[in-house]
Amino acid sequence: MPQPRILVVDDEERIRRLVRMYLERSGFSVAEAEDGIEAVDKALSEPYSLIILDLMLPGMDGRDVCTQIRQHSNVPIIMLTAAGDESNRIHGFELGADDYVVKPFSPRELVMRIKALLKRTGEVDYARNDLNQTLTFPGLSIQIDARRVEVDGNEVGLTPKEFDLLVYMAQRPDKVFSREELLRDVWNYQFYGDQRTVDTHIKRLREKLGQVSHSVSQYIVTVWGVGYKFEVAS
């Protein structure tokens, strides 16, 4: 199996060097970019398993880089943000980032999150569910092992977290999930109050499904004051 290839985007050489050291020790292949323009060029010209993207970059900031990448690719993106900068984290999720790490960060934690995200984009362990399972609903097919979603026969490209969120809810139709539950079980750790992360991903998921079928997008139902559920009207 080829090594997973990670693109590290940061304008600080010491951070790129530190992250590279820990990633290579963990068996990853690493490429680097020191500004936003170089990051977009590399991200769109070469295949990567995951991108680590600093928010504050010269030339083109991380938000614009994320937007340009998302127009062409669903590659997993972990964004690096300043401590306590909640608005930027939320905006990063709105643009399509899958996770964030707050600076200053632990390189070991970063590696752990990379492995967890890559596991979800590869052979995802849903514990109680058969990975070869295909979830089928009127107008919607979710192939878990292939990580493929089709709406009315048309493939819909989702980011890793959007796919995980859809599968998690679709495997439990009619169950109401609080935002706290979804953060804990889909993201695998607490976001310390960033419950808007869930709202942002739900909004993007509905929009992508709705581009093909309005009725399928309505399978994701808001339960006011509580959270969300997956419901197929009979």
C-alpha atoms as a PDB file:
ATOM      1  CA  MET A   1       0.000   0.000   0.000  1.00  0.00           C
ATOM      2  CA  PRO A   2       1.361   3.490  -0.840  1.00  0.00           C
ATOM      3  CA  GLN A   3       2.026   5.858   2.028  1.00  0.00           C
ATOM      4  CA  PRO A   4      -0.758   8.366   2.716  1.00  0.00           C
ATOM      5  CA  ARG A   5       0.470  11.713   1.375  1.00  0.00           C
ATOM      6  CA  ILE A   6      -0.110  14.841   3.458  1.00  0.00           C
ATOM      7  CA  LEU A   7       0.211  18.459   2.275  1.00  0.00           C
ATOM      8  CA  VAL A   8       1.294  20.772   5.113  1.00  0.00           C
ATOM      9  CA  VAL A   9       0.502  24.439   4.436  1.00  0.00           C
ATOM     10  CA  ASP A  10       1.995  26.991   6.830  1.00  0.00           C
ATOM     11  CA  ASP A  11       4.141  30.084   6.360  1.00  0.00           C
ATOM     12  CA  GLU A  12       6.281  29.261   9.425  1.00  0.00           C
ATOM     13  CA  GLU A  13       9.137  26.937   8.514  1.00  0.00           C
ATOM     14  CA  ARG A  14       9.576  25.690  12.091  1.00  0.00           C
ATOM     15  CA  ILE A  15       5.949  24.514  12.186  1.00  0.00           C
ATOM     16  CA  ARG A  16       6.232  22.779   8.820  1.00  0.00           C
ATOM     17  CA  ARG A  17       9.469  21.114   9.958  1.00  0.00           C
ATOM     18  CA  LEU A  18       7.941  19.969  13.268  1.00  0.00           C
ATOM     19  CA  VAL A  19       4.792  18.588  11.627  1.00  0.00           C
ATOM     20  CA  ARG A  20       6.832  16.855   8.921  1.00  0.00           C
ATOM     21  CA  MET A  21       8.999  15.153  11.541  1.00  0.00           C
ATOM     22  CA  TYR A  22       6.032  13.745  13.438  1.00  0.00           C
ATOM     23  CA  LEU A  23       4.174  12.712  10.287  1.00  0.00           C
ATOM     24  CA  GLU A  24       7.155  10.936   8.757  1.00  0.00           C
ATOM     25  CA  ARG A  25       7.755   9.120  12.037  1.00  0.00           C
ATOM     26  CA  SER A  26       4.155   7.908  11.780  1.00  0.00           C
ATOM     27  CA  GLY A  27       4.619   6.583   8.239  1.00  0.00           C
ATOM     28  CA  PHE A  28       3.226   9.448   6.177  1.00  0.00           C
ATOM     29  CA  SER A  29       4.699  11.033   3.069  1.00  0.00           C
ATOM     30  CA  VAL A  30       4.799  14.827   3.381  1.00  0.00           C
ATOM     31  CA  ALA A  31       4.787  17.755   0.959  1.00  0.00           C
ATOM     32  CA  GLU A  32       4.907  21.413   1.986  1.00  0.00           C
ATOM     33  CA  ALA A  33       3.584  24.789   0.850  1.00  0.00           C
ATOM     34  CA  GLU A  34       4.484  28.090   2.489  1.00  0.00           C
ATOM     35  CA  ASP A  35       1.760  30.346   1.085  1.00  0.00           C
ATOM     36  CA  GLY A  36      -1.793  30.145  -0.189  1.00  0.00           C
ATOM     37  CA  ILE A  37      -1.007  30.386  -3.888  1.00  0.00           C
ATOM     38  CA  GLU A  38       1.497  27.518  -3.709  1.00  0.00           C
ATOM     39  CA  ALA A  39      -0.994  25.519  -1.634  1.00  0.00           C
ATOM     40  CA  VAL A  40      -3.761  25.786  -4.255  1.00  0.00           C
ATOM     41  CA  ASP A  41      -1.349  24.953  -7.063  1.00  0.00           C
ATOM     42  CA  LYS A  42      -0.095  21.812  -5.305  1.00  0.00           C
ATOM     43  CA  ALA A  43      -3.505  20.735  -4.004  1.00  0.00           C
ATOM     44  CA  LEU A  44      -5.075  20.858  -7.457  1.00  0.00           C
ATOM     45  CA  SER A  45      -2.178  19.375  -9.407  1.00  0.00           C
ATOM     46  CA  GLU A  46      -1.217  16.411  -7.216  1.00  0.00           C
ATOM     47  CA  PRO A  47      -3.206  13.820  -5.225  1.00  0.00           C
ATOM     48  CA  TYR A  48      -3.142  14.051  -1.429  1.00  0.00           C
ATOM     49  CA  SER A  49      -4.756  11.968   1.284  1.00  0.00           C
ATOM     50  CA  LEU A  50      -5.226  15.010   3.540  1.00  0.00           C
ATOM     51  CA  ILE A  51      -4.295  18.708   3.748  1.00  0.00           C
ATOM     52  CA  ILE A  52      -3.220  20.576   6.894  1.00  0.00           C
ATOM     53  CA  LEU A  53      -4.063  24.206   6.227  1.00  0.00           C
ATOM     54  CA  ASP A  54      -3.065  27.244   8.288  1.00  0.00           C
ATOM     55  CA  LEU A  55      -5.721  29.956   8.372  1.00  0.00           C
ATOM     56  CA  MET A  56      -3.371  32.942   8.224  1.00  0.00           C
ATOM     57  CA  LEU A  57      -1.233  32.747   5.078  1.00  0.00           C
ATOM     58  CA  PRO A  58       0.532  35.286   2.857  1.00  0.00           C
ATOM     59  CA  GLY A  59      -0.691  35.754  -0.690  1.00  0.00           C
ATOM     60  CA  MET A  60      -4.028  34.028  -0.129  1.00  0.00           C
ATOM     61  CA  ASP A  61      -5.433  33.197   3.279  1.00  0.00           C
ATOM     62  CA  GLY A  62      -6.580  29.745   4.352  1.00  0.00           C
ATOM     63  CA  ARG A  63     -10.251  30.532   3.838  1.00  0.00           C
ATOM     64  CA  ASP A  64      -9.723  31.375   0.167  1.00  0.00           C
ATOM     65  CA  VAL A  65      -7.467  28.344  -0.250  1.00  0.00           C
ATOM     66  CA  CYS A  66     -10.144  26.090   1.261  1.00  0.00           C
ATOM     67  CA  THR A  67     -12.813  27.591  -1.000  1.00  0.00           C
ATOM     68  CA  GLN A  68     -10.759  27.012  -4.151  1.00  0.00           C
ATOM     69  CA  ILE A  69      -9.867  23.450  -3.184  1.00  0.00           C
ATOM     70  CA  ARG A  70     -13.484  22.609  -2.365  1.00  0.00           C
ATOM     71  CA  GLN A  71     -14.567  23.696  -5.847  1.00  0.00           C
ATOM     72  CA  HIS A  72     -12.577  20.769  -7.247  1.00  0.00           C
ATOM     73  CA  SER A  73     -11.926  18.248  -4.474  1.00  0.00           C
ATOM     74  CA  ASN A  74     -13.357  16.675  -1.324  1.00  0.00           C
ATOM     75  CA  VAL A  75      -9.901  15.889   0.091  1.00  0.00           C
ATOM     76  CA  PRO A  76      -9.999  15.991   3.924  1.00  0.00           C
ATOM     77  CA  ILE A  77      -8.828  19.336   5.305  1.00  0.00           C
ATOM     78  CA  ILE A  78      -7.662  20.062   8.841  1.00  0.00           C
ATOM     79  CA  MET A  79      -7.435  23.778   9.486  1.00  0.00           C
ATOM     80  CA  LEU A  80      -4.964  25.366  11.915  1.00  0.00           C
ATOM     81  CA  THR A  81      -6.469  28.351  13.756  1.00  0.00           C
ATOM     82  CA  ALA A  82      -5.502  30.799  16.478  1.00  0.00           C
ATOM     83  CA  ALA A  83      -6.533  29.945  20.039  1.00  0.00           C
ATOM     84  CA  GLY A  84      -9.982  31.222  20.961  1.00  0.00           C
ATOM     85  CA  ASP A  85     -10.802  32.391  17.442  1.00  0.00           C
ATOM     86  CA  GLU A  86     -14.249  30.805  17.312  1.00  0.00           C
ATOM     87  CA  SER A  87     -15.600  32.888  14.431  1.00  0.00           C
ATOM     88  CA  ASN A  88     -12.762  31.793  12.148  1.00  0.00           C
ATOM     89  CA  ARG A  89     -13.243  28.143  13.116  1.00  0.00           C
ATOM     90  CA  ILE A  90     -16.939  28.306  12.334  1.00  0.00           C
ATOM     91  CA  HIS A  91     -16.261  30.069   9.043  1.00  0.00           C
ATOM     92  CA  GLY A  92     -13.703  27.379   8.203  1.00  0.00           C
ATOM     93  CA  PHE A  93     -16.348  24.683   8.649  1.00  0.00           C
ATOM     94  CA  GLU A  94     -18.739  26.659   6.479  1.00  0.00           C
ATOM     95  CA  LEU A  95     -16.126  26.657   3.723  1.00  0.00           C
ATOM     96  CA  GLY A  96     -15.661  22.893   3.936  1.00  0.00           C
ATOM     97  CA  ALA A  97     -12.925  22.176   6.502  1.00  0.00           C
ATOM     98  CA  ASP A  98     -13.380  18.797   8.213  1.00  0.00           C
ATOM     99  CA  ASP A  99     -11.596  19.519  11.475  1.00  0.00           C
ATOM    100  CA  TYR A 100      -9.546  22.168  13.214  1.00  0.00           C
ATOM    101  CA  VAL A 101      -6.543  22.247  15.506  1.00  0.00           C
ATOM    102  CA  VAL A 102      -5.916  25.260  17.709  1.00  0.00           C
ATOM    103  CA  LYS A 103      -2.459  26.846  17.852  1.00  0.00           C
ATOM    104  CA  PRO A 104      -0.308  26.227  19.812  1.00  0.00           C
ATOM    105  CA  PHE A 105      -1.025  22.535  19.280  1.00  0.00           C
ATOM    106  CA  SER A 106       0.355  19.167  20.272  1.00  0.00           C
ATOM    107  CA  PRO A 107       1.971  17.406  17.276  1.00  0.00           C
ATOM    108  CA  ARG A 108       0.884  14.077  18.760  1.00  0.00           C
ATOM    109  CA  GLU A 109      -2.722  15.241  18.899  1.00  0.00           C
ATOM    110  CA  LEU A 110      -2.484  16.453  15.307  1.00  0.00           C
ATOM    111  CA  VAL A 111      -1.227  13.032  14.181  1.00  0.00           C
ATOM    112  CA  MET A 112      -4.043  11.363  16.138  1.00  0.00           C
ATOM    113  CA  ARG A 113      -6.665  13.508  14.426  1.00  0.00           C
ATOM    114  CA  ILE A 114      -5.117  12.864  11.013  1.00  0.00           C
ATOM    115  CA  LYS A 115      -5.245   9.112  11.590  1.00  0.00           C
ATOM    116  CA  ALA A 116      -8.846   9.302  12.810  1.00  0.00           C
ATOM    117  CA  LEU A 117      -9.926  11.323   9.782  1.00  0.00           C
ATOM    118  CA  LEU A 118      -8.098   9.071   7.330  1.00  0.00           C
ATOM    119  CA  LYS A 119      -9.632   6.023   8.963  1.00  0.00           C
ATOM    120  CA  ARG A 120     -13.037   7.470   8.262  1.00  0.00           C
ATOM    121  CA  THR A 121     -12.181   8.133   4.632  1.00  0.00           C
ATOM    122  CA  GLY A 122     -10.874   4.595   4.184  1.00  0.00           C
ATOM    123  CA  GLU A 123     -12.147   1.542   6.029  1.00  0.00           C
ATOM    124  CA  VAL A 124     -14.538   3.132   8.455  1.00  0.00           C
ATOM    125  CA  ASP A 125     -15.336   1.163  11.569  1.00  0.00           C
ATOM    126  CA  TYR A 126     -18.927   1.810  12.505  1.00  0.00           C
ATOM    127  CA  ALA A 127     -18.705  -0.941  15.146  1.00  0.00           C
ATOM    128  CA  ARG A 128     -22.221  -2.317  15.049  1.00  0.00           C
ATOM    129  CA  ASN A 129     -22.739  -2.014  11.298  1.00  0.00           C
ATOM    130  CA  ASP A 130     -21.699  -3.965   8.250  1.00  0.00           C
ATOM    131  CA  LEU A 131     -19.287  -1.926   6.146  1.00  0.00           C
ATOM    132  CA  ASN A 132     -20.550  -3.586   2.957  1.00  0.00           C
ATOM    133  CA  GLN A 133     -24.013  -2.313   3.664  1.00  0.00           C
ATOM    134  CA  THR A 134     -25.833  -0.010   1.268  1.00  0.00           C
ATOM    135  CA  LEU A 135     -28.508   2.190   2.796  1.00  0.00           C
ATOM    136  CA  THR A 136     -31.355   2.715   0.360  1.00  0.00           C
ATOM    137  CA  PHE A 137     -34.222   5.185   0.581  1.00  0.00           C
ATOM    138  CA  PRO A 138     -36.502   6.666  -2.090  1.00  0.00           C
ATOM    139  CA  GLY A 139     -34.187   8.627  -4.372  1.00  0.00           C
ATOM    140  CA  LEU A 140     -31.167   8.132  -2.091  1.00  0.00           C
ATOM    141  CA  SER A 141     -28.470   5.439  -2.024  1.00  0.00           C
ATOM    142  CA  ILE A 142     -25.581   5.474   0.465  1.00  0.00           C
ATOM    143  CA  GLN A 143     -22.795   2.959  -0.218  1.00  0.00           C
ATOM    144  CA  ILE A 144     -20.866   2.853   3.036  1.00  0.00           C
ATOM    145  CA  ASP A 145     -17.851   0.817   1.921  1.00  0.00           C
ATOM    146  CA  ALA A 146     -17.359   2.912  -1.242  1.00  0.00           C
ATOM    147  CA  ARG A 147     -18.204   6.164   0.599  1.00  0.00           C
ATOM    148  CA  ARG A 148     -20.515   7.022  -2.278  1.00  0.00           C
ATOM    149  CA  VAL A 149     -23.829   8.863  -2.181  1.00  0.00           C
ATOM    150  CA  GLU A 150     -26.260   8.899  -5.094  1.00  0.00           C
ATOM    151  CA  VAL A 151     -29.394  11.002  -5.365  1.00  0.00           C
ATOM    152  CA  ASP A 152     -31.762  10.014  -8.172  1.00  0.00           C
ATOM    153  CA  GLY A 153     -28.856   8.108  -9.727  1.00  0.00           C
ATOM    154  CA  ASN A 154     -26.476  11.092  -9.619  1.00  0.00           C
ATOM    155  CA  GLU A 155     -23.374  10.947  -7.438  1.00  0.00           C
ATOM    156  CA  VAL A 156     -23.163  13.720  -4.847  1.00  0.00           C
ATOM    157  CA  GLY A 157     -19.699  14.702  -3.647  1.00  0.00           C
ATOM    158  CA  LEU A 158     -19.507  15.077   0.126  1.00  0.00           C
ATOM    159  CA  THR A 159     -16.635  15.941   2.425  1.00  0.00           C
ATOM    160  CA  PRO A 160     -15.613  13.196   4.905  1.00  0.00           C
ATOM    161  CA  LYS A 161     -17.510  14.760   7.807  1.00  0.00           C
ATOM    162  CA  GLU A 162     -20.616  15.404   5.700  1.00  0.00           C
ATOM    163  CA  PHE A 163     -20.610  11.759   4.652  1.00  0.00           C
ATOM    164  CA  ASP A 164     -20.070  10.525   8.222  1.00  0.00           C
ATOM    165  CA  LEU A 165     -22.885  12.726   9.493  1.00  0.00           C
ATOM    166  CA  LEU A 166     -25.310  11.499   6.828  1.00  0.00           C
ATOM    167  CA  VAL A 167     -24.458   7.832   7.444  1.00  0.00           C
ATOM    168  CA  TYR A 168     -24.685   8.176  11.208  1.00  0.00           C
ATOM    169  CA  MET A 169     -28.189   9.650  11.036  1.00  0.00           C
ATOM    170  CA  ALA A 170     -29.436   7.475   8.152  1.00  0.00           C
ATOM    171  CA  GLN A 171     -28.481   4.312  10.028  1.00  0.00           C
ATOM    172  CA  ARG A 172     -30.882   5.373  12.774  1.00  0.00           C
ATOM    173  CA  PRO A 173     -33.984   6.736  11.008  1.00  0.00           C
ATOM    174  CA  ASP A 174     -36.453   8.725  13.133  1.00  0.00           C
ATOM    175  CA  LYS A 175     -34.078   8.960  16.099  1.00  0.00           C
ATOM    176  CA  VAL A 176     -33.653  12.529  17.303  1.00  0.00           C
ATOM    177  CA  PHE A 177     -30.031  13.519  17.922  1.00  0.00           C
ATOM    178  CA  SER A 178     -28.960  16.492  19.983  1.00  0.00           C
ATOM    179  CA  ARG A 179     -26.072  18.583  18.719  1.00  0.00           C
ATOM    180  CA  GLU A 180     -24.012  17.338  21.658  1.00  0.00           C
ATOM    181  CA  GLU A 181     -24.589  13.708  20.615  1.00  0.00           C
ATOM    182  CA  LEU A 182     -23.579  14.394  17.029  1.00  0.00           C
ATOM    183  CA  LEU A 183     -20.425  16.236  18.108  1.00  0.00           C
ATOM    184  CA  ARG A 184     -19.469  13.379  20.416  1.00  0.00           C
ATOM    185  CA  ASP A 185     -20.225  10.488  18.072  1.00  0.00           C
ATOM    186  CA  VAL A 186     -19.409  11.873  14.611  1.00  0.00           C
ATOM    187  CA  TRP A 187     -16.486  14.102  15.547  1.00  0.00           C
ATOM    188  CA  ASN A 188     -15.304  11.770  18.339  1.00  0.00           C
ATOM    189  CA  TYR A 189     -14.484  14.535  20.791  1.00  0.00           C
ATOM    190  CA  GLN A 190     -16.061  17.571  22.391  1.00  0.00           C
ATOM    191  CA  PHE A 191     -15.987  20.929  20.639  1.00  0.00           C
ATOM    192  CA  TYR A 192     -16.462  22.844  23.869  1.00  0.00           C
ATOM    193  CA  GLY A 193     -19.537  24.755  22.846  1.00  0.00           C
ATOM    194  CA  ASP A 194     -19.020  24.904  19.080  1.00  0.00           C
ATOM    195  CA  GLN A 195     -22.433  23.407  18.440  1.00  0.00           C
ATOM    196  CA  ARG A 196     -22.809  25.581  15.346  1.00  0.00           C
ATOM    197  CA  THR A 197     -20.371  23.154  13.748  1.00  0.00           C
ATOM    198  CA  VAL A 198     -23.273  20.697  13.469  1.00  0.00           C
ATOM    199  CA  ASP A 199     -25.614  23.347  12.079  1.00  0.00           C
ATOM    200  CA  THR A 200     -23.036  24.306   9.446  1.00  0.00           C
ATOM    201  CA  HIS A 201     -22.535  20.727   8.277  1.00  0.00           C
ATOM    202  CA  ILE A 202     -26.286  20.047   8.228  1.00  0.00           C
ATOM    203  CA  LYS A 203     -26.801  23.170   6.114  1.00  0.00           C
ATOM    204  CA  ARG A 204     -24.088  22.153   3.619  1.00  0.00           C
ATOM    205  CA  LEU A 205     -25.402  18.582   3.476  1.00  0.00           C
ATOM    206  CA  ARG A 206     -28.940  19.741   2.728  1.00  0.00           C
ATOM    207  CA  GLU A 207     -27.678  22.128   0.057  1.00  0.00           C
ATOM    208  CA  LYS A 208     -25.685  19.419  -1.725  1.00  0.00           C
ATOM    209  CA  LEU A 209     -28.547  16.910  -1.639  1.00  0.00           C
ATOM    210  CA  GLY A 210     -30.998  19.629  -2.605  1.00  0.00           C
ATOM    211  CA  GLN A 211     -29.037  20.504  -5.736  1.00  0.00           C
ATOM    212  CA  VAL A 212     -30.274  17.185  -7.133  1.00  0.00           C
ATOM    213  CA  SER A 213     -33.506  16.594  -5.240  1.00  0.00           C
ATOM    214  CA  HIS A 214     -35.392  18.911  -2.911  1.00  0.00           C
ATOM    215  CA  SER A 215     -37.384  15.997  -1.503  1.00  0.00           C
ATOM    216  CA  VAL A 216     -34.245  14.049  -0.540  1.00  0.00           C
ATOM    217  CA  SER A 217     -32.782  17.101   1.184  1.00  0.00           C
ATOM    218  CA  GLN A 218     -35.904  17.152   3.353  1.00  0.00           C
ATOM    219  CA  TYR A 219     -34.957  13.766   4.848  1.00  0.00           C
ATOM    220  CA  ILE A 220     -32.783  15.723   7.280  1.00  0.00           C
ATOM    221  CA  VAL A 221     -35.285  17.266   9.657  1.00  0.00           C
ATOM    222  CA  THR A 222     -34.690  19.978  12.235  1.00  0.00           C
ATOM    223  CA  VAL A 223     -36.274  19.227  15.604  1.00  0.00           C
ATOM    224  CA  TRP A 224     -36.532  22.694  17.089  1.00  0.00           C
ATOM    225  CA  GLY A 225     -34.980  23.106  20.486  1.00  0.00           C
ATOM    226  CA  VAL A 226     -33.403  19.633  20.363  1.00  0.00           C
ATOM    227  CA  GLY A 227     -31.360  18.835  17.257  1.00  0.00           C
ATOM    228  CA  TYR A 228     -31.863  16.805  14.077  1.00  0.00           C
ATOM    229  CA  LYS A 229     -33.183  13.502  12.757  1.00  0.00           C
ATOM    230  CA  PHE A 230     -33.249  11.541   9.502  1.00  0.00           C
ATOM    231  CA  GLU A 231     -36.854  10.932   8.492  1.00  0.00           C
ATOM    232  CA  VAL A 232     -38.349   9.570   5.299  1.00  0.00           C
ATOM    233  CA  ALA A 233     -42.005  10.526   5.026  1.00  0.00           C
ATOM    234  CA  SER A 234     -44.258   7.568   4.354  1.00  0.00           C
END
